[in-house]
């Protein structure tokens, strides 16, 4: 039988050899989120990793043609899962919406319940792991899961092309163009074009800020907003955010306020 003292060096040699031979764990990318701005990121989640992005709550207020509407949305979330180094699948779920509508001289009507669900596929074409530019493609399918009064009970889809780029002087930029096939009442399905551009920079250690313009047009309606917000890196894989979307066209919601969190697992 081999004496115990001789086994110890042998065991250490085998352990060190196995450690050297084992493939190194790939380094995770920095956290990149599709929130809090409306411009989606071209970057995907690392393969085998899950990323949660959600509003804690958001509030929207609007007044148009004598009708005042408000909407509270609680814990809407986007779950993103990396299937390959450059491809991810996602699902948007809205657990609870509380919407009210009040006519100028009439009663208040309320609706509450779950919202619609969206399935997403995202593919990064370039720039996932560095470089001055990155771009990708996103396909969405909206499923009519909303409670009565909170959706249009129609399946809809969209295709988006997001891009990110370095601006210089501490600024980073991103933009997106997309076309959605939306059901617009009696006229049926019609294309809706959306374009966004956003700029972000660090304001202090772990603190960032962004400004953004969005514009959507379809079926004779133009919806434009100015958006701004702050992000705070709580940990390497965790980010808090808050911000506001302000309507700058007549048909856009007057104001949306939100606060949220993102976490990579």
Foldseek 3Di string as FASTA:
>chain_A
DDDPVVVVVVVVVVVVVVVVPDDDDDDFDFDDALDDDVFGDQAAGAAAKKKKWWFQKKKFWAAAPQKTKIKIFHTWMKIWHHNHRFKIKIKTWGAKMWMWMDGNPDDIDIDMGTAKMKIKMKGWPDANPHDFKTKIKMKMWIAGPTDPPRDDRDIKIKIKIKMKGCDDPQKIKIKMWMWIFDQDPPVGTWIKIKIKMKMKGAPDVQKIKMWMWMWIDIPHDIWIWIKMWMKGPPDRFKIKIWIKIATPDNPYTHIMTTIIMMGMD
